[in-house]
Amino acid sequence: MDNPLNDPNSTLVKILTISDIVLSSIFALEALLKIIAYGLIFNRNVAYLKNGWNIIDITVVIISLTSLGITGDRLKIIKIFRLFRVLRPLRVISRNKGLRIGI
């Protein structure tokens, strides 16, 4: 829905900006709570960064928070990396065997 041709003062752009801030905050809070609960690296097999999906999650959170802090035209390329958010539903599918297609 985010399109560079959208009017920057339109209601759609304002709603997308607010939802981006809210969702990025929720994802950051989730990552922070998991880091507190599981430990970052040194908690044997359950540490947050021992799971590949969590590494993708923290990467998405860092990119999202970075893109929120960056304004201006010269660094809009960072917003492209937010496409990694698409990988989050894949994590749900990989954990739930009922959602997978049998081959």
Protein backbone atom coordinates (compact mmCIF):
# COMPACT_ATOMS: atom_id res chain seq x y z
CA MET A 1 0.00 0.00 0.00
CA ASP A 2 2.97 2.26 0.51
CA ASN A 3 3.61 3.95 -2.80
CA PRO A 4 6.04 6.78 -3.56
CA LEU A 5 3.37 8.39 -5.73
CA ASN A 6 0.95 8.76 -2.81
CA ASP A 7 0.30 12.28 -1.63
CA PRO A 8 2.35 12.75 1.57
CA ASN A 9 -0.55 14.65 3.15
CA SER A 10 -3.22 12.06 2.36
CA THR A 11 -5.14 10.15 5.01
CA LEU A 12 -3.78 6.84 3.68
CA VAL A 13 -0.17 7.90 4.20
CA LYS A 14 -0.96 9.13 7.72
CA ILE A 15 -2.69 5.86 8.61
CA LEU A 16 0.19 3.83 7.17
CA THR A 17 2.72 5.88 9.14
CA ILE A 18 0.81 5.43 12.41
CA SER A 19 0.32 1.70 11.81
CA ASP A 20 4.03 1.35 10.99
CA ILE A 21 4.95 2.96 14.30
CA VAL A 22 2.46 0.84 16.26
CA LEU A 23 3.43 -2.47 14.63
CA SER A 24 7.15 -1.76 14.88
CA SER A 25 6.69 -0.97 18.57
CA ILE A 26 4.75 -4.19 19.16
CA PHE A 27 7.39 -6.28 17.36
CA ALA A 28 10.18 -4.53 19.30
CA LEU A 29 8.38 -5.18 22.60
CA GLU A 30 7.90 -8.84 21.65
CA ALA A 31 11.61 -9.20 20.84
CA LEU A 32 12.59 -7.47 24.08
CA LEU A 33 10.34 -9.71 26.17
CA LYS A 34 11.71 -12.83 24.47
CA ILE A 35 15.27 -11.65 25.07
CA ILE A 36 14.47 -11.10 28.74
CA ALA A 37 12.72 -14.49 29.04
CA TYR A 38 15.15 -16.65 27.06
CA GLY A 39 18.39 -14.73 27.32
CA LEU A 40 20.15 -13.24 24.33
CA ILE A 41 22.94 -15.72 23.57
CA PHE A 42 24.25 -17.52 26.64
CA ASN A 43 21.23 -19.55 27.82
CA ARG A 44 22.16 -22.87 26.18
CA ASN A 45 19.65 -24.13 23.61
CA VAL A 46 16.77 -21.79 24.44
CA ALA A 47 18.63 -18.50 23.97
CA TYR A 48 16.91 -15.99 21.71
CA LEU A 49 19.62 -15.87 19.06
CA LYS A 50 19.98 -19.67 18.90
CA ASN A 51 16.78 -19.86 16.82
CA GLY A 52 16.98 -18.86 13.15
CA TRP A 53 13.46 -17.42 13.12
CA ASN A 54 14.32 -15.15 16.05
CA ILE A 55 17.37 -13.91 14.17
CA ILE A 56 15.08 -12.94 11.29
CA ASP A 57 12.69 -11.28 13.77
CA ILE A 58 15.38 -9.18 15.44
CA THR A 59 16.73 -8.19 12.02
CA VAL A 60 13.26 -7.02 10.97
CA VAL A 61 12.85 -5.11 14.24
CA ILE A 62 16.21 -3.38 13.86
CA ILE A 63 15.47 -2.44 10.25
CA SER A 64 11.98 -1.21 11.19
CA LEU A 65 13.23 0.94 14.05
CA THR A 66 16.04 2.28 11.88
CA SER A 67 13.65 3.19 9.10
CA LEU A 68 11.40 4.99 11.59
CA GLY A 69 14.32 7.08 12.77
CA ILE A 70 15.55 7.97 9.30
CA THR A 71 13.87 10.78 7.47
CA GLY A 72 14.72 12.25 4.14
CA ASP A 73 14.99 10.99 0.61
CA ARG A 74 18.58 9.80 0.61
CA LEU A 75 18.04 6.77 2.87
CA LYS A 76 14.67 5.49 1.71
CA ILE A 77 16.39 2.33 0.50
CA ILE A 78 16.19 1.02 4.08
CA LYS A 79 12.42 0.81 3.74
CA ILE A 80 12.90 -1.86 1.08
CA PHE A 81 14.42 -4.15 3.71
CA ARG A 82 11.18 -4.04 5.65
CA LEU A 83 9.92 -6.60 3.16
CA PHE A 84 11.51 -9.17 5.45
CA ARG A 85 8.33 -8.80 7.51
CA VAL A 86 6.74 -11.14 5.01
CA LEU A 87 8.82 -13.93 6.53
CA ARG A 88 6.99 -13.72 9.87
CA PRO A 89 3.91 -15.67 8.65
CA LEU A 90 6.23 -18.36 7.34
CA ARG A 91 7.34 -18.97 10.92
CA VAL A 92 3.75 -19.68 11.94
CA ILE A 93 3.32 -22.06 9.02
CA SER A 94 6.56 -23.88 9.83
CA ARG A 95 5.43 -24.52 13.42
CA ASN A 96 1.85 -25.58 12.63
CA LYS A 97 1.76 -28.87 10.76
CA GLY A 98 -1.94 -28.41 9.91
CA LEU A 99 -1.13 -25.35 7.78
CA ARG A 100 1.42 -27.15 5.63
CA ILE A 101 0.58 -28.73 2.31
CA GLY A 102 1.44 -32.41 2.16
CA ILE A 103 3.50 -33.55 -0.80
